[in-house]
Amino acid sequence: EAVRQAISHLERHLCFTRRGKDGRTT
């Protein structure tokens, strides 16, 4: 359960990409 919660935390806080000039658009 701790592993599942850690993955859920990463999804909520680190699941994004950057685009555009110098990666300014998140």
mmCIF file of all heavy atoms, coordinates in Angstrom:
data_MODEL
# 
_entry.id   MODEL 
# 
loop_
_atom_site.group_PDB 
_atom_site.id 
_atom_site.type_symbol 
_atom_site.label_atom_id 
_atom_site.label_alt_id 
_atom_site.label_comp_id 
_atom_site.label_asym_id 
_atom_site.label_entity_id 
_atom_site.label_seq_id 
_atom_site.pdbx_PDB_ins_code 
_atom_site.Cartn_x 
_atom_site.Cartn_y 
_atom_site.Cartn_z 
_atom_site.occupancy 
_atom_site.B_iso_or_equiv 
_atom_site.pdbx_formal_charge 
_atom_site.auth_seq_id 
_atom_site.auth_comp_id 
_atom_site.auth_asym_id 
_atom_site.auth_atom_id 
_atom_site.pdbx_PDB_model_num 
ATOM 1   N N   . GLU A 1 1  ? 0.835  -1.207 0.000   1.00 0.00 ? 1  GLU A N   1 
ATOM 2   C CA  . GLU A 1 1  ? 0.000  0.000  0.000   1.00 0.00 ? 1  GLU A CA  1 
ATOM 3   C C   . GLU A 1 1  ? 0.868  1.254  0.000   1.00 0.00 ? 1  GLU A C   1 
ATOM 4   O O   . GLU A 1 1  ? 0.550  2.237  -0.663  1.00 0.00 ? 1  GLU A O   1 
ATOM 5   C CB  . GLU A 1 1  ? -0.939 -0.002 1.212   1.00 0.00 ? 1  GLU A CB  1 
ATOM 6   C CG  . GLU A 1 1  ? -1.851 1.200  1.280   1.00 0.00 ? 1  GLU A CG  1 
ATOM 7   C CD  . GLU A 1 1  ? -2.767 1.378  0.068   1.00 0.00 ? 1  GLU A CD  1 
ATOM 8   O OE1 . GLU A 1 1  ? -3.041 0.399  -0.660  1.00 0.00 ? 1  GLU A OE1 1 
ATOM 9   O OE2 . GLU A 1 1  ? -3.210 2.532  -0.170  1.00 0.00 ? 1  GLU A OE2 1 
ATOM 10  N N   . ALA A 1 2  ? 1.976  1.231  0.724   1.00 0.00 ? 2  ALA A N   1 
ATOM 11  C CA  . ALA A 1 2  ? 2.889  2.380  0.730   1.00 0.00 ? 2  ALA A CA  1 
ATOM 12  C C   . ALA A 1 2  ? 3.436  2.639  -0.666  1.00 0.00 ? 2  ALA A C   1 
ATOM 13  O O   . ALA A 1 2  ? 3.549  3.797  -1.093  1.00 0.00 ? 2  ALA A O   1 
ATOM 14  C CB  . ALA A 1 2  ? 4.025  2.146  1.720   1.00 0.00 ? 2  ALA A CB  1 
ATOM 15  N N   . VAL A 1 3  ? 3.765  1.584  -1.399  1.00 0.00 ? 3  VAL A N   1 
ATOM 16  C CA  . VAL A 1 3  ? 4.253  1.748  -2.775  1.00 0.00 ? 3  VAL A CA  1 
ATOM 17  C C   . VAL A 1 3  ? 3.158  2.351  -3.646  1.00 0.00 ? 3  VAL A C   1 
ATOM 18  O O   . VAL A 1 3  ? 3.411  3.292  -4.410  1.00 0.00 ? 3  VAL A O   1 
ATOM 19  C CB  . VAL A 1 3  ? 4.752  0.400  -3.346  1.00 0.00 ? 3  VAL A CB  1 
ATOM 20  C CG1 . VAL A 1 3  ? 5.002  0.495  -4.847  1.00 0.00 ? 3  VAL A CG1 1 
ATOM 21  C CG2 . VAL A 1 3  ? 6.017  -0.043 -2.624  1.00 0.00 ? 3  VAL A CG2 1 
ATOM 22  N N   . ARG A 1 4  ? 1.929  1.839  -3.540  1.00 0.00 ? 4  ARG A N   1 
ATOM 23  C CA  . ARG A 1 4  ? 0.818  2.409  -4.331  1.00 0.00 ? 4  ARG A CA  1 
ATOM 24  C C   . ARG A 1 4  ? 0.600  3.883  -3.997  1.00 0.00 ? 4  ARG A C   1 
ATOM 25  O O   . ARG A 1 4  ? 0.370  4.703  -4.888  1.00 0.00 ? 4  ARG A O   1 
ATOM 26  C CB  . ARG A 1 4  ? -0.461 1.601  -4.110  1.00 0.00 ? 4  ARG A CB  1 
ATOM 27  C CG  . ARG A 1 4  ? -0.475 0.263  -4.844  1.00 0.00 ? 4  ARG A CG  1 
ATOM 28  C CD  . ARG A 1 4  ? -1.841 -0.406 -4.783  1.00 0.00 ? 4  ARG A CD  1 
ATOM 29  N NE  . ARG A 1 4  ? -2.161 -0.897 -3.458  1.00 0.00 ? 4  ARG A NE  1 
ATOM 30  C CZ  . ARG A 1 4  ? -1.762 -2.067 -2.957  1.00 0.00 ? 4  ARG A CZ  1 
ATOM 31  N NH1 . ARG A 1 4  ? -1.011 -2.872 -3.681  1.00 0.00 ? 4  ARG A NH1 1 
ATOM 32  N NH2 . ARG A 1 4  ? -2.112 -2.433 -1.744  1.00 0.00 ? 4  ARG A NH2 1 
ATOM 33  N N   . GLN A 1 5  ? 0.690  4.232  -2.721  1.00 0.00 ? 5  GLN A N   1 
ATOM 34  C CA  . GLN A 1 5  ? 0.515  5.623  -2.311  1.00 0.00 ? 5  GLN A CA  1 
ATOM 35  C C   . GLN A 1 5  ? 1.652  6.502  -2.825  1.00 0.00 ? 5  GLN A C   1 
ATOM 36  O O   . GLN A 1 5  ? 1.438  7.659  -3.204  1.00 0.00 ? 5  GLN A O   1 
ATOM 37  C CB  . GLN A 1 5  ? 0.399  5.717  -0.783  1.00 0.00 ? 5  GLN A CB  1 
ATOM 38  C CG  . GLN A 1 5  ? -0.885 5.151  -0.235  1.00 0.00 ? 5  GLN A CG  1 
ATOM 39  C CD  . GLN A 1 5  ? -2.099 5.904  -0.721  1.00 0.00 ? 5  GLN A CD  1 
ATOM 40  O OE1 . GLN A 1 5  ? -2.109 7.123  -0.832  1.00 0.00 ? 5  GLN A OE1 1 
ATOM 41  N NE2 . GLN A 1 5  ? -3.158 5.152  -1.043  1.00 0.00 ? 5  GLN A NE2 1 
ATOM 42  N N   . ALA A 1 6  ? 2.859  5.970  -2.843  1.00 0.00 ? 6  ALA A N   1 
ATOM 43  C CA  . ALA A 1 6  ? 4.000  6.737  -3.363  1.00 0.00 ? 6  ALA A CA  1 
ATOM 44  C C   . ALA A 1 6  ? 3.813  7.022  -4.850  1.00 0.00 ? 6  ALA A C   1 
ATOM 45  O O   . ALA A 1 6  ? 4.061  8.144  -5.313  1.00 0.00 ? 6  ALA A O   1 
ATOM 46  C CB  . ALA A 1 6  ? 5.304  5.987  -3.123  1.00 0.00 ? 6  ALA A CB  1 
ATOM 47  N N   . ILE A 1 7  ? 3.367  6.029  -5.618  1.00 0.00 ? 7  ILE A N   1 
ATOM 48  C CA  . ILE A 1 7  ? 3.114  6.237  -7.042  1.00 0.00 ? 7  ILE A CA  1 
ATOM 49  C C   . ILE A 1 7  ? 1.998  7.260  -7.217  1.00 0.00 ? 7  ILE A C   1 
ATOM 50  O O   . ILE A 1 7  ? 2.088  8.152  -8.074  1.00 0.00 ? 7  ILE A O   1 
ATOM 51  C CB  . ILE A 1 7  ? 2.762  4.902  -7.744  1.00 0.00 ? 7  ILE A CB  1 
ATOM 52  C CG1 . ILE A 1 7  ? 3.958  3.939  -7.696  1.00 0.00 ? 7  ILE A CG1 1 
ATOM 53  C CG2 . ILE A 1 7  ? 2.290  5.140  -9.177  1.00 0.00 ? 7  ILE A CG2 1 
ATOM 54  C CD1 . ILE A 1 7  ? 5.218  4.447  -8.381  1.00 0.00 ? 7  ILE A CD1 1 
ATOM 55  N N   . SER A 1 8  ? 0.966  7.180  -6.402  1.00 0.00 ? 8  SER A N   1 
ATOM 56  C CA  . SER A 1 8  ? -0.125 8.160  -6.456  1.00 0.00 ? 8  SER A CA  1 
ATOM 57  C C   . SER A 1 8  ? 0.388  9.573  -6.165  1.00 0.00 ? 8  SER A C   1 
ATOM 58  O O   . SER A 1 8  ? -0.001 10.542 -6.828  1.00 0.00 ? 8  SER A O   1 
ATOM 59  C CB  . SER A 1 8  ? -1.212 7.767  -5.451  1.00 0.00 ? 8  SER A CB  1 
ATOM 60  O OG  . SER A 1 8  ? -2.262 8.681  -5.465  1.00 0.00 ? 8  SER A OG  1 
ATOM 61  N N   . HIS A 1 9  ? 1.277  9.705  -5.194  1.00 0.00 ? 9  HIS A N   1 
ATOM 62  C CA  . HIS A 1 9  ? 1.871  11.006 -4.861  1.00 0.00 ? 9  HIS A CA  1 
ATOM 63  C C   . HIS A 1 9  ? 2.675  11.544 -6.047  1.00 0.00 ? 9  HIS A C   1 
ATOM 64  O O   . HIS A 1 9  ? 2.567  12.722 -6.406  1.00 0.00 ? 9  HIS A O   1 
ATOM 65  C CB  . HIS A 1 9  ? 2.760  10.874 -3.627  1.00 0.00 ? 9  HIS A CB  1 
ATOM 66  C CG  . HIS A 1 9  ? 3.427  12.143 -3.223  1.00 0.00 ? 9  HIS A CG  1 
ATOM 67  N ND1 . HIS A 1 9  ? 2.794  13.102 -2.476  1.00 0.00 ? 9  HIS A ND1 1 
ATOM 68  C CD2 . HIS A 1 9  ? 4.667  12.619 -3.497  1.00 0.00 ? 9  HIS A CD2 1 
ATOM 69  C CE1 . HIS A 1 9  ? 3.624  14.122 -2.298  1.00 0.00 ? 9  HIS A CE1 1 
ATOM 70  N NE2 . HIS A 1 9  ? 4.760  13.850 -2.899  1.00 0.00 ? 9  HIS A NE2 1 
ATOM 71  N N   . LEU A 1 10 ? 3.477  10.670 -6.662  1.00 0.00 ? 10 LEU A N   1 
ATOM 72  C CA  . LEU A 1 10 ? 4.258  11.084 -7.827  1.00 0.00 ? 10 LEU A CA  1 
ATOM 73  C C   . LEU A 1 10 ? 3.335  11.518 -8.962  1.00 0.00 ? 10 LEU A C   1 
ATOM 74  O O   . LEU A 1 10 ? 3.619  12.500 -9.652  1.00 0.00 ? 10 LEU A O   1 
ATOM 75  C CB  . LEU A 1 10 ? 5.180  9.955  -8.290  1.00 0.00 ? 10 LEU A CB  1 
ATOM 76  C CG  . LEU A 1 10 ? 6.319  9.597  -7.347  1.00 0.00 ? 10 LEU A CG  1 
ATOM 77  C CD1 . LEU A 1 10 ? 7.054  8.358  -7.853  1.00 0.00 ? 10 LEU A CD1 1 
ATOM 78  C CD2 . LEU A 1 10 ? 7.270  10.757 -7.152  1.00 0.00 ? 10 LEU A CD2 1 
ATOM 79  N N   . GLU A 1 11 ? 2.223  10.809 -9.151  1.00 0.00 ? 11 GLU A N   1 
ATOM 80  C CA  . GLU A 1 11 ? 1.270  11.193 -10.199 1.00 0.00 ? 11 GLU A CA  1 
ATOM 81  C C   . GLU A 1 11 ? 0.685  12.583 -9.939  1.00 0.00 ? 11 GLU A C   1 
ATOM 82  O O   . GLU A 1 11 ? 0.539  13.382 -10.856 1.00 0.00 ? 11 GLU A O   1 
ATOM 83  C CB  . GLU A 1 11 ? 0.130  10.177 -10.289 1.00 0.00 ? 11 GLU A CB  1 
ATOM 84  C CG  . GLU A 1 11 ? 0.523  8.923  -11.002 1.00 0.00 ? 11 GLU A CG  1 
ATOM 85  C CD  . GLU A 1 11 ? -0.636 7.991  -11.226 1.00 0.00 ? 11 GLU A CD  1 
ATOM 86  O OE1 . GLU A 1 11 ? -1.348 7.644  -10.258 1.00 0.00 ? 11 GLU A OE1 1 
ATOM 87  O OE2 . GLU A 1 11 ? -0.833 7.584  -12.383 1.00 0.00 ? 11 GLU A OE2 1 
ATOM 88  N N   . ARG A 1 12 ? 0.357  12.852 -8.689  1.00 0.00 ? 12 ARG A N   1 
ATOM 89  C CA  . ARG A 1 12 ? -0.251 14.152 -8.352  1.00 0.00 ? 12 ARG A CA  1 
ATOM 90  C C   . ARG A 1 12 ? 0.739  15.309 -8.464  1.00 0.00 ? 12 ARG A C   1 
ATOM 91  O O   . ARG A 1 12 ? 0.361  16.422 -8.809  1.00 0.00 ? 12 ARG A O   1 
ATOM 92  C CB  . ARG A 1 12 ? -0.831 14.120 -6.939  1.00 0.00 ? 12 ARG A CB  1 
ATOM 93  C CG  . ARG A 1 12 ? -2.101 13.317 -6.810  1.00 0.00 ? 12 ARG A CG  1 
ATOM 94  C CD  . ARG A 1 12 ? -2.781 13.509 -5.452  1.00 0.00 ? 12 ARG A CD  1 
ATOM 95  N NE  . ARG A 1 12 ? -1.902 13.368 -4.302  1.00 0.00 ? 12 ARG A NE  1 
ATOM 96  C CZ  . ARG A 1 12 ? -1.614 12.209 -3.707  1.00 0.00 ? 12 ARG A CZ  1 
ATOM 97  N NH1 . ARG A 1 12 ? -2.104 11.084 -4.169  1.00 0.00 ? 12 ARG A NH1 1 
ATOM 98  N NH2 . ARG A 1 12 ? -0.820 12.183 -2.656  1.00 0.00 ? 12 ARG A NH2 1 
ATOM 99  N N   . HIS A 1 13 ? 2.015  15.059 -8.153  1.00 0.00 ? 13 HIS A N   1 
ATOM 100 C CA  . HIS A 1 13 ? 2.963  16.166 -8.038  1.00 0.00 ? 13 HIS A CA  1 
ATOM 101 C C   . HIS A 1 13 ? 4.071  16.215 -9.092  1.00 0.00 ? 13 HIS A C   1 
ATOM 102 O O   . HIS A 1 13 ? 4.706  17.258 -9.247  1.00 0.00 ? 13 HIS A O   1 
ATOM 103 C CB  . HIS A 1 13 ? 3.592  16.155 -6.645  1.00 0.00 ? 13 HIS A CB  1 
ATOM 104 C CG  . HIS A 1 13 ? 2.591  16.309 -5.552  1.00 0.00 ? 13 HIS A CG  1 
ATOM 105 N ND1 . HIS A 1 13 ? 1.986  17.515 -5.259  1.00 0.00 ? 13 HIS A ND1 1 
ATOM 106 C CD2 . HIS A 1 13 ? 2.043  15.403 -4.716  1.00 0.00 ? 13 HIS A CD2 1 
ATOM 107 C CE1 . HIS A 1 13 ? 1.126  17.349 -4.271  1.00 0.00 ? 13 HIS A CE1 1 
ATOM 108 N NE2 . HIS A 1 13 ? 1.144  16.078 -3.920  1.00 0.00 ? 13 HIS A NE2 1 
ATOM 109 N N   . LEU A 1 14 ? 4.317  15.116 -9.791  1.00 0.00 ? 14 LEU A N   1 
ATOM 110 C CA  . LEU A 1 14 ? 5.434  15.098 -10.739 1.00 0.00 ? 14 LEU A CA  1 
ATOM 111 C C   . LEU A 1 14 ? 5.054  14.648 -12.143 1.00 0.00 ? 14 LEU A C   1 
ATOM 112 O O   . LEU A 1 14 ? 5.935  14.443 -12.971 1.00 0.00 ? 14 LEU A O   1 
ATOM 113 C CB  . LEU A 1 14 ? 6.553  14.189 -10.212 1.00 0.00 ? 14 LEU A CB  1 
ATOM 114 C CG  . LEU A 1 14 ? 7.197  14.626 -8.905  1.00 0.00 ? 14 LEU A CG  1 
ATOM 115 C CD1 . LEU A 1 14 ? 8.218  13.599 -8.453  1.00 0.00 ? 14 LEU A CD1 1 
ATOM 116 C CD2 . LEU A 1 14 ? 7.858  15.981 -9.052  1.00 0.00 ? 14 LEU A CD2 1 
ATOM 117 N N   . CYS A 1 15 ? 3.786  14.493 -12.396 1.00 0.00 ? 15 CYS A N   1 
ATOM 118 C CA  . CYS A 1 15 ? 3.350  14.005 -13.705 1.00 0.00 ? 15 CYS A CA  1 
ATOM 119 C C   . CYS A 1 15 ? 3.010  15.197 -14.596 1.00 0.00 ? 15 CYS A C   1 
ATOM 120 O O   . CYS A 1 15 ? 1.864  15.642 -14.666 1.00 0.00 ? 15 CYS A O   1 
ATOM 121 C CB  . CYS A 1 15 ? 2.154  13.068 -13.538 1.00 0.00 ? 15 CYS A CB  1 
ATOM 122 S SG  . CYS A 1 15 ? 1.644  12.294 -15.066 1.00 0.00 ? 15 CYS A SG  1 
ATOM 123 N N   . PHE A 1 16 ? 4.041  15.719 -15.241 1.00 0.00 ? 16 PHE A N   1 
ATOM 124 C CA  . PHE A 1 16 ? 3.858  16.856 -16.152 1.00 0.00 ? 16 PHE A CA  1 
ATOM 125 C C   . PHE A 1 16 ? 4.989  16.861 -17.163 1.00 0.00 ? 16 PHE A C   1 
ATOM 126 O O   . PHE A 1 16 ? 5.987  16.162 -17.013 1.00 0.00 ? 16 PHE A O   1 
ATOM 127 C CB  . PHE A 1 16 ? 3.810  18.181 -15.390 1.00 0.00 ? 16 PHE A CB  1 
ATOM 128 C CG  . PHE A 1 16 ? 5.086  18.514 -14.668 1.00 0.00 ? 16 PHE A CG  1 
ATOM 129 C CD1 . PHE A 1 16 ? 6.094  19.223 -15.303 1.00 0.00 ? 16 PHE A CD1 1 
ATOM 130 C CD2 . PHE A 1 16 ? 5.268  18.136 -13.346 1.00 0.00 ? 16 PHE A CD2 1 
ATOM 131 C CE1 . PHE A 1 16 ? 7.274  19.537 -14.641 1.00 0.00 ? 16 PHE A CE1 1 
ATOM 132 C CE2 . PHE A 1 16 ? 6.446  18.439 -12.673 1.00 0.00 ? 16 PHE A CE2 1 
ATOM 133 C CZ  . PHE A 1 16 ? 7.442  19.148 -13.328 1.00 0.00 ? 16 PHE A CZ  1 
ATOM 134 N N   . THR A 1 17 ? 4.824  17.653 -18.181 1.00 0.00 ? 17 THR A N   1 
ATOM 135 C CA  . THR A 1 17 ? 5.885  17.835 -19.175 1.00 0.00 ? 17 THR A CA  1 
ATOM 136 C C   . THR A 1 17 ? 6.025  19.329 -19.437 1.00 0.00 ? 17 THR A C   1 
ATOM 137 O O   . THR A 1 17 ? 5.150  20.119 -19.079 1.00 0.00 ? 17 THR A O   1 
ATOM 138 C CB  . THR A 1 17 ? 5.570  17.066 -20.483 1.00 0.00 ? 17 THR A CB  1 
ATOM 139 O OG1 . THR A 1 17 ? 6.717  17.110 -21.321 1.00 0.00 ? 17 THR A OG1 1 
ATOM 140 C CG2 . THR A 1 17 ? 4.364  17.635 -21.194 1.00 0.00 ? 17 THR A CG2 1 
ATOM 141 N N   . ARG A 1 18 ? 7.126  19.683 -20.049 1.00 0.00 ? 18 ARG A N   1 
ATOM 142 C CA  . ARG A 1 18 ? 7.354  21.087 -20.391 1.00 0.00 ? 18 ARG A CA  1 
ATOM 143 C C   . ARG A 1 18 ? 7.434  21.207 -21.899 1.00 0.00 ? 18 ARG A C   1 
ATOM 144 O O   . ARG A 1 18 ? 8.018  20.357 -22.575 1.00 0.00 ? 18 ARG A O   1 
ATOM 145 C CB  . ARG A 1 18 ? 8.640  21.591 -19.746 1.00 0.00 ? 18 ARG A CB  1 
ATOM 146 C CG  . ARG A 1 18 ? 8.561  21.595 -18.233 1.00 0.00 ? 18 ARG A CG  1 
ATOM 147 C CD  . ARG A 1 18 ? 9.823  22.052 -17.603 1.00 0.00 ? 18 ARG A CD  1 
ATOM 148 N NE  . ARG A 1 18 ? 10.930 21.196 -18.049 1.00 0.00 ? 18 ARG A NE  1 
ATOM 149 C CZ  . ARG A 1 18 ? 12.193 21.466 -17.844 1.00 0.00 ? 18 ARG A CZ  1 
ATOM 150 N NH1 . ARG A 1 18 ? 12.541 22.549 -17.205 1.00 0.00 ? 18 ARG A NH1 1 
ATOM 151 N NH2 . ARG A 1 18 ? 13.139 20.661 -18.265 1.00 0.00 ? 18 ARG A NH2 1 
ATOM 152 N N   . ARG A 1 19 ? 6.869  22.260 -22.418 1.00 0.00 ? 19 ARG A N   1 
ATOM 153 C CA  . ARG A 1 19 ? 6.892  22.508 -23.859 1.00 0.00 ? 19 ARG A CA  1 
ATOM 154 C C   . ARG A 1 19 ? 7.182  23.978 -24.111 1.00 0.00 ? 19 ARG A C   1 
ATOM 155 O O   . ARG A 1 19 ? 7.195  24.793 -23.213 1.00 0.00 ? 19 ARG A O   1 
ATOM 156 C CB  . ARG A 1 19 ? 5.518  22.169 -24.477 1.00 0.00 ? 19 ARG A CB  1 
ATOM 157 C CG  . ARG A 1 19 ? 5.165  20.705 -24.398 1.00 0.00 ? 19 ARG A CG  1 
ATOM 158 C CD  . ARG A 1 19 ? 4.857  20.156 -25.769 1.00 0.00 ? 19 ARG A CD  1 
ATOM 159 N NE  . ARG A 1 19 ? 4.739  18.720 -25.761 1.00 0.00 ? 19 ARG A NE  1 
ATOM 160 C CZ  . ARG A 1 19 ? 3.615  18.068 -25.680 1.00 0.00 ? 19 ARG A CZ  1 
ATOM 161 N NH1 . ARG A 1 19 ? 2.477  18.712 -25.599 1.00 0.00 ? 19 ARG A NH1 1 
ATOM 162 N NH2 . ARG A 1 19 ? 3.610  16.760 -25.705 1.00 0.00 ? 19 ARG A NH2 1 
ATOM 163 N N   . GLY A 1 20 ? 7.368  24.263 -25.373 1.00 0.00 ? 20 GLY A N   1 
ATOM 164 C CA  . GLY A 1 20 ? 7.586  25.651 -25.767 1.00 0.00 ? 20 GLY A CA  1 
ATOM 165 C C   . GLY A 1 20 ? 9.021  26.089 -25.590 1.00 0.00 ? 20 GLY A C   1 
ATOM 166 O O   . GLY A 1 20 ? 9.894  25.316 -25.198 1.00 0.00 ? 20 GLY A O   1 
ATOM 167 N N   . LYS A 1 21 ? 9.238  27.356 -25.869 1.00 0.00 ? 21 LYS A N   1 
ATOM 168 C CA  . LYS A 1 21 ? 10.579 27.914 -25.781 1.00 0.00 ? 21 LYS A CA  1 
ATOM 169 C C   . LYS A 1 21 ? 11.132 27.756 -24.372 1.00 0.00 ? 21 LYS A C   1 
ATOM 170 O O   . LYS A 1 21 ? 10.518 28.179 -23.394 1.00 0.00 ? 21 LYS A O   1 
ATOM 171 C CB  . LYS A 1 21 ? 10.557 29.386 -26.174 1.00 0.00 ? 21 LYS A CB  1 
ATOM 172 C CG  . LYS A 1 21 ? 11.929 29.996 -26.195 1.00 0.00 ? 21 LYS A CG  1 
ATOM 173 C CD  . LYS A 1 21 ? 11.924 31.419 -26.677 1.00 0.00 ? 21 LYS A CD  1 
ATOM 174 C CE  . LYS A 1 21 ? 13.362 31.906 -26.684 1.00 0.00 ? 21 LYS A CE  1 
ATOM 175 N NZ  . LYS A 1 21 ? 13.485 33.262 -27.131 1.00 0.00 ? 21 LYS A NZ  1 
ATOM 176 N N   . ASP A 1 22 ? 12.284 27.117 -24.288 1.00 0.00 ? 22 ASP A N   1 
ATOM 177 C CA  . ASP A 1 22 ? 12.970 26.881 -23.016 1.00 0.00 ? 22 ASP A CA  1 
ATOM 178 C C   . ASP A 1 22 ? 12.108 26.105 -22.010 1.00 0.00 ? 22 ASP A C   1 
ATOM 179 O O   . ASP A 1 22 ? 12.335 26.190 -20.806 1.00 0.00 ? 22 ASP A O   1 
ATOM 180 C CB  . ASP A 1 22 ? 13.433 28.196 -22.395 1.00 0.00 ? 22 ASP A CB  1 
ATOM 181 C CG  . ASP A 1 22 ? 14.445 28.919 -23.262 1.00 0.00 ? 22 ASP A CG  1 
ATOM 182 O OD1 . ASP A 1 22 ? 15.271 28.229 -23.899 1.00 0.00 ? 22 ASP A OD1 1 
ATOM 183 O OD2 . ASP A 1 22 ? 14.398 30.167 -23.304 1.00 0.00 ? 22 ASP A OD2 1 
ATOM 184 N N   . GLY A 1 23 ? 11.105 25.383 -22.499 1.00 0.00 ? 23 GLY A N   1 
ATOM 185 C CA  . GLY A 1 23 ? 10.266 24.569 -21.624 1.00 0.00 ? 23 GLY A CA  1 
ATOM 186 C C   . GLY A 1 23 ? 9.434  25.371 -20.657 1.00 0.00 ? 23 GLY A C   1 
ATOM 187 O O   . GLY A 1 23 ? 9.117  24.924 -19.564 1.00 0.00 ? 23 GLY A O   1 
ATOM 188 N N   . ARG A 1 24 ? 9.047  26.566 -21.057 1.00 0.00 ? 24 ARG A N   1 
ATOM 189 C CA  . ARG A 1 24 ? 8.325  27.460 -20.144 1.00 0.00 ? 24 ARG A CA  1 
ATOM 190 C C   . ARG A 1 24 ? 6.869  27.071 -19.931 1.00 0.00 ? 24 ARG A C   1 
ATOM 191 O O   . ARG A 1 24 ? 6.267  27.462 -18.934 1.00 0.00 ? 24 ARG A O   1 
ATOM 192 C CB  . ARG A 1 24 ? 8.399  28.898 -20.663 1.00 0.00 ? 24 ARG A CB  1 
ATOM 193 C CG  . ARG A 1 24 ? 9.789  29.453 -20.563 1.00 0.00 ? 24 ARG A CG  1 
ATOM 194 C CD  . ARG A 1 24 ? 9.843  30.885 -21.014 1.00 0.00 ? 24 ARG A CD  1 
ATOM 195 N NE  . ARG A 1 24 ? 11.233 31.324 -21.065 1.00 0.00 ? 24 ARG A NE  1 
ATOM 196 C CZ  . ARG A 1 24 ? 11.654 32.347 -21.742 1.00 0.00 ? 24 ARG A CZ  1 
ATOM 197 N NH1 . ARG A 1 24 ? 10.804 33.069 -22.455 1.00 0.00 ? 24 ARG A NH1 1 
ATOM 198 N NH2 . ARG A 1 24 ? 12.919 32.680 -21.728 1.00 0.00 ? 24 ARG A NH2 1 
ATOM 199 N N   . THR A 1 25 ? 6.306  26.314 -20.859 1.00 0.00 ? 25 THR A N   1 
ATOM 200 C CA  . THR A 1 25 ? 4.909  25.907 -20.722 1.00 0.00 ? 25 THR A CA  1 
ATOM 201 C C   . THR A 1 25 ? 4.851  24.536 -20.056 1.00 0.00 ? 25 THR A C   1 
ATOM 202 O O   . THR A 1 25 ? 5.466  23.580 -20.518 1.00 0.00 ? 25 THR A O   1 
ATOM 203 C CB  . THR A 1 25 ? 4.227  25.830 -22.106 1.00 0.00 ? 25 THR A CB  1 
ATOM 204 O OG1 . THR A 1 25 ? 4.363  27.091 -22.756 1.00 0.00 ? 25 THR A OG1 1 
ATOM 205 C CG2 . THR A 1 25 ? 2.767  25.466 -21.978 1.00 0.00 ? 25 THR A CG2 1 
ATOM 206 N N   . THR A 1 26 ? 4.122  24.455 -18.963 1.00 0.00 ? 26 THR A N   1 
ATOM 207 C CA  . THR A 1 26 ? 3.973  23.193 -18.232 1.00 0.00 ? 26 THR A CA  1 
ATOM 208 C C   . THR A 1 26 ? 2.601  22.611 -18.544 1.00 0.00 ? 26 THR A C   1 
ATOM 209 O O   . THR A 1 26 ? 1.595  23.299 -18.456 1.00 0.00 ? 26 THR A O   1 
ATOM 210 C CB  . THR A 1 26 ? 4.105  23.429 -16.715 1.00 0.00 ? 26 THR A CB  1 
ATOM 211 O OG1 . THR A 1 26 ? 5.397  23.989 -16.453 1.00 0.00 ? 26 THR A OG1 1 
ATOM 212 C CG2 . THR A 1 26 ? 3.951  22.139 -15.944 1.00 0.00 ? 26 THR A CG2 1 
# 
